[in-house]
Structures are given as structure tokens and as C-alpha cells.
C-alpha atoms as a PDB file:
ATOM      1  CA  MET A   1      -8.983  23.421  15.587  1.00  0.00           C
ATOM      2  CA  SER A   2      -6.009  21.977  17.354  1.00  0.00           C
ATOM      3  CA  THR A   3      -2.492  23.249  17.520  1.00  0.00           C
ATOM      4  CA  HIS A   4       0.660  21.214  17.319  1.00  0.00           C
ATOM      5  CA  ASP A   5       3.452  21.802  19.779  1.00  0.00           C
ATOM      6  CA  TYR A   6       5.897  22.210  16.920  1.00  0.00           C
ATOM      7  CA  TYR A   7       3.741  24.432  14.680  1.00  0.00           C
ATOM      8  CA  PRO A   8       2.946  27.950  15.842  1.00  0.00           C
ATOM      9  CA  VAL A   9      -0.254  28.169  13.757  1.00  0.00           C
ATOM     10  CA  PRO A  10      -3.529  26.303  14.230  1.00  0.00           C
ATOM     11  CA  ALA A  11      -3.878  23.213  12.078  1.00  0.00           C
ATOM     12  CA  PRO A  12      -7.171  22.294  10.412  1.00  0.00           C
ATOM     13  CA  TYR A  13      -6.662  18.622  11.265  1.00  0.00           C
ATOM     14  CA  PRO A  14      -6.236  16.719  14.506  1.00  0.00           C
ATOM     15  CA  ALA A  15      -2.708  16.233  15.764  1.00  0.00           C
ATOM     16  CA  GLN A  16      -1.184  12.849  15.072  1.00  0.00           C
ATOM     17  CA  HIS A  17       0.978  11.388  17.760  1.00  0.00           C
ATOM     18  CA  GLN A  18       3.801   8.986  17.078  1.00  0.00           C
ATOM     19  CA  GLY A  19       2.729   5.457  17.726  1.00  0.00           C
ATOM     20  CA  ALA A  20      -0.931   6.250  17.054  1.00  0.00           C
ATOM     21  CA  LEU A  21      -2.777   3.246  15.705  1.00  0.00           C
ATOM     22  CA  LEU A  22      -4.119   3.236  12.185  1.00  0.00           C
ATOM     23  CA  THR A  23      -7.864   3.459  12.123  1.00  0.00           C
ATOM     24  CA  ASN A  24      -9.822   1.148   9.858  1.00  0.00           C
ATOM     25  CA  HIS A  25     -10.516   4.116   7.606  1.00  0.00           C
ATOM     26  CA  GLU A  26      -6.819   5.000   7.293  1.00  0.00           C
ATOM     27  CA  LEU A  27      -5.925   1.368   6.581  1.00  0.00           C
ATOM     28  CA  PHE A  28      -8.661   1.180   3.953  1.00  0.00           C
ATOM     29  CA  LYS A  29      -7.401   4.385   2.317  1.00  0.00           C
ATOM     30  CA  SER A  30      -3.884   2.961   2.261  1.00  0.00           C
ATOM     31  CA  MET A  31      -5.102  -0.267   0.681  1.00  0.00           C
ATOM     32  CA  ALA A  32      -7.231   1.614  -1.849  1.00  0.00           C
ATOM     33  CA  THR A  33      -4.236   3.708  -2.878  1.00  0.00           C
ATOM     34  CA  GLY A  34      -2.169   0.549  -3.302  1.00  0.00           C
ATOM     35  CA  ALA A  35      -4.912  -1.059  -5.370  1.00  0.00           C
ATOM     36  CA  LEU A  36      -5.139   2.002  -7.580  1.00  0.00           C
ATOM     37  CA  VAL A  37      -1.388   2.050  -8.198  1.00  0.00           C
ATOM     38  CA  GLY A  38      -1.312  -1.697  -8.895  1.00  0.00           C
ATOM     39  CA  ALA A  39      -4.223  -1.486 -11.306  1.00  0.00           C
ATOM     40  CA  ALA A  40      -2.672   1.498 -13.083  1.00  0.00           C
ATOM     41  CA  ALA A  41       0.651  -0.329 -13.478  1.00  0.00           C
ATOM     42  CA  SER A  42      -1.125  -3.407 -14.795  1.00  0.00           C
ATOM     43  CA  THR A  43      -3.143  -1.303 -17.228  1.00  0.00           C
ATOM     44  CA  ALA A  44       0.038   0.283 -18.566  1.00  0.00           C
ATOM     45  CA  THR A  45       1.575  -3.169 -18.956  1.00  0.00           C
ATOM     46  CA  GLN A  46      -1.507  -4.410 -20.813  1.00  0.00           C
ATOM     47  CA  LEU A  47      -1.385  -1.428 -23.161  1.00  0.00           C
ATOM     48  CA  HIS A  48       2.228  -2.235 -24.073  1.00  0.00           C
ATOM     49  CA  LYS A  49       1.344  -5.812 -25.031  1.00  0.00           C
ATOM     50  CA  PRO A  50       0.237  -6.580 -28.572  1.00  0.00           C
ATOM     51  CA  ALA A  51      -3.509  -7.157 -28.723  1.00  0.00           C
ATOM     52  CA  SER A  52      -2.987 -10.763 -29.825  1.00  0.00           C
ATOM     53  CA  THR A  53      -1.081 -11.617 -26.628  1.00  0.00           C
ATOM     54  CA  ARG A  54      -3.537 -10.110 -24.156  1.00  0.00           C
ATOM     55  CA  HIS A  55      -5.379 -12.827 -22.268  1.00  0.00           C
ATOM     56  CA  ASN A  56      -8.164 -11.599 -19.977  1.00  0.00           C
ATOM     57  CA  PRO A  57      -6.762  -8.081 -19.500  1.00  0.00           C
ATOM     58  CA  ILE A  58      -9.560  -6.930 -17.173  1.00  0.00           C
ATOM     59  CA  GLY A  59      -8.982  -9.931 -14.920  1.00  0.00           C
ATOM     60  CA  GLU A  60      -5.237  -9.254 -14.864  1.00  0.00           C
ATOM     61  CA  ILE A  61      -5.811  -5.603 -13.960  1.00  0.00           C
ATOM     62  CA  LEU A  62      -8.239  -6.483 -11.158  1.00  0.00           C
ATOM     63  CA  LYS A  63      -5.906  -9.190  -9.835  1.00  0.00           C
ATOM     64  CA  ALA A  64      -2.937  -6.802  -9.791  1.00  0.00           C
ATOM     65  CA  GLY A  65      -4.997  -4.161  -7.998  1.00  0.00           C
ATOM     66  CA  ALA A  66      -6.172  -6.618  -5.343  1.00  0.00           C
ATOM     67  CA  ILE A  67      -2.697  -8.051  -4.757  1.00  0.00           C
ATOM     68  CA  THR A  68      -1.103  -4.627  -4.498  1.00  0.00           C
ATOM     69  CA  GLY A  69      -3.840  -3.321  -2.211  1.00  0.00           C
ATOM     70  CA  LEU A  70      -3.416  -6.237   0.206  1.00  0.00           C
ATOM     71  CA  THR A  71       0.353  -5.826   0.135  1.00  0.00           C
ATOM     72  CA  VAL A  72       0.210  -2.108   0.892  1.00  0.00           C
ATOM     73  CA  GLY A  73      -2.184  -2.794   3.756  1.00  0.00           C
ATOM     74  CA  ALA A  74       0.207  -5.353   5.268  1.00  0.00           C
ATOM     75  CA  VAL A  75       3.174  -3.014   4.866  1.00  0.00           C
ATOM     76  CA  SER A  76       1.218  -0.199   6.530  1.00  0.00           C
ATOM     77  CA  LEU A  77       0.462  -2.406   9.515  1.00  0.00           C
ATOM     78  CA  VAL A  78       4.131  -3.396   9.823  1.00  0.00           C
ATOM     79  CA  ARG A  79       5.184   0.262   9.743  1.00  0.00           C
ATOM     80  CA  GLN A  80       2.609   1.096  12.381  1.00  0.00           C
ATOM     81  CA  ASN A  81       3.681  -1.688  14.709  1.00  0.00           C
ATOM     82  CA  LEU A  82       7.401  -1.003  14.449  1.00  0.00           C
ATOM     83  CA  GLY A  83       7.081   2.758  14.799  1.00  0.00           C
ATOM     84  CA  CYS A  84       9.536   5.290  13.472  1.00  0.00           C
ATOM     85  CA  GLU A  85      12.336   5.156  16.033  1.00  0.00           C
ATOM     86  CA  LYS A  86      14.571   2.909  13.937  1.00  0.00           C
ATOM     87  CA  LYS A  87      13.923   4.065  10.399  1.00  0.00           C
ATOM     88  CA  LEU A  88      16.272   1.622   8.654  1.00  0.00           C
ATOM     89  CA  THR A  89      14.866  -1.368  10.525  1.00  0.00           C
ATOM     90  CA  THR A  90      11.321  -0.256   9.772  1.00  0.00           C
ATOM     91  CA  LEU A  91      12.153   0.278   6.090  1.00  0.00           C
ATOM     92  CA  ALA A  92      13.801  -3.147   5.855  1.00  0.00           C
ATOM     93  CA  ALA A  93      10.822  -4.830   7.549  1.00  0.00           C
ATOM     94  CA  MET A  94       8.422  -3.045   5.204  1.00  0.00           C
ATOM     95  CA  PHE A  95      10.461  -4.151   2.185  1.00  0.00           C
ATOM     96  CA  VAL A  96      10.585  -7.770   3.347  1.00  0.00           C
ATOM     97  CA  THR A  97       6.852  -7.766   4.109  1.00  0.00           C
ATOM     98  CA  GLY A  98       6.020  -6.292   0.726  1.00  0.00           C
ATOM     99  CA  THR A  99       8.243  -8.761  -1.099  1.00  0.00           C
ATOM    100  CA  ALA A 100       6.836 -11.733   0.802  1.00  0.00           C
ATOM    101  CA  MET A 101       3.236 -10.650   0.245  1.00  0.00           C
ATOM    102  CA  MET A 102       3.751 -10.034  -3.477  1.00  0.00           C
ATOM    103  CA  TYR A 103       5.562 -13.371  -3.853  1.00  0.00           C
ATOM    104  CA  ALA A 104       2.910 -15.331  -1.987  1.00  0.00           C
ATOM    105  CA  LEU A 105      -0.065 -13.672  -3.646  1.00  0.00           C
ATOM    106  CA  THR A 106       1.305 -13.771  -7.183  1.00  0.00           C
ATOM    107  CA  SER A 107       2.446 -17.385  -6.929  1.00  0.00           C
ATOM    108  CA  THR A 108      -1.003 -18.525  -5.718  1.00  0.00           C
ATOM    109  CA  ALA A 109      -2.752 -16.352  -8.295  1.00  0.00           C
ATOM    110  CA  GLU A 110      -0.781 -17.924 -11.138  1.00  0.00           C
ATOM    111  CA  LYS A 111      -1.744 -21.511 -10.195  1.00  0.00           C
END
């Protein structure tokens, strides 16, 4: 067990230092969480539609999950690279990245 400088009790997880790089596993977990949220939102949207207007609902759910997962992964990488020193700048960059990714991926998916 390791101890943090700012916590007086031992922590059951390794200390994370600011500026630490995301591991592939952490990035994958972030993307998987994004995909899950995107698929859940798409499922809820599909359930609100009348059955006669649903066109390929499974495909739409999978597409939304993939797009959201990729977007969350990109946003996570931006946050990692900018760090946490300037929170507003980091937040703005994450927002712009997320918007750009969603715009690009949804416009190509609709064609």
C-alpha cells in the first residue's frame, strides 16, 4: 500500500501524480464509459420514437455508442495533455474537442 502526502491514511491504490500519462487501460475504460453512455442515450431516444418511425434501431444505438466512445477518448487525451493548471482553458479545449469530434463523426455517419 502506498500513502499520499496529503492523506494521513494508507490508500489501497497507487498514488496518481499530476501530469501522469493515461495508460492504454485507462483510456480504454474512458472510451468504454463514453460508449455506454452514448448507447444508453440512443436507446432512450429510440424508445421515445413511435415504432413505425424506428429505422434500424440497433444500428443507431451501436453507431451512437461508437461515436460517443471515440469522442470521450479524444477529450480524455486533450485533458491529459493540457493538464489541470488552467482549468478553464482545459475545460474549453475539452468542450471544443468534443463538439468537433461529434460534428465530424455524426456528419460522416449520416452520409
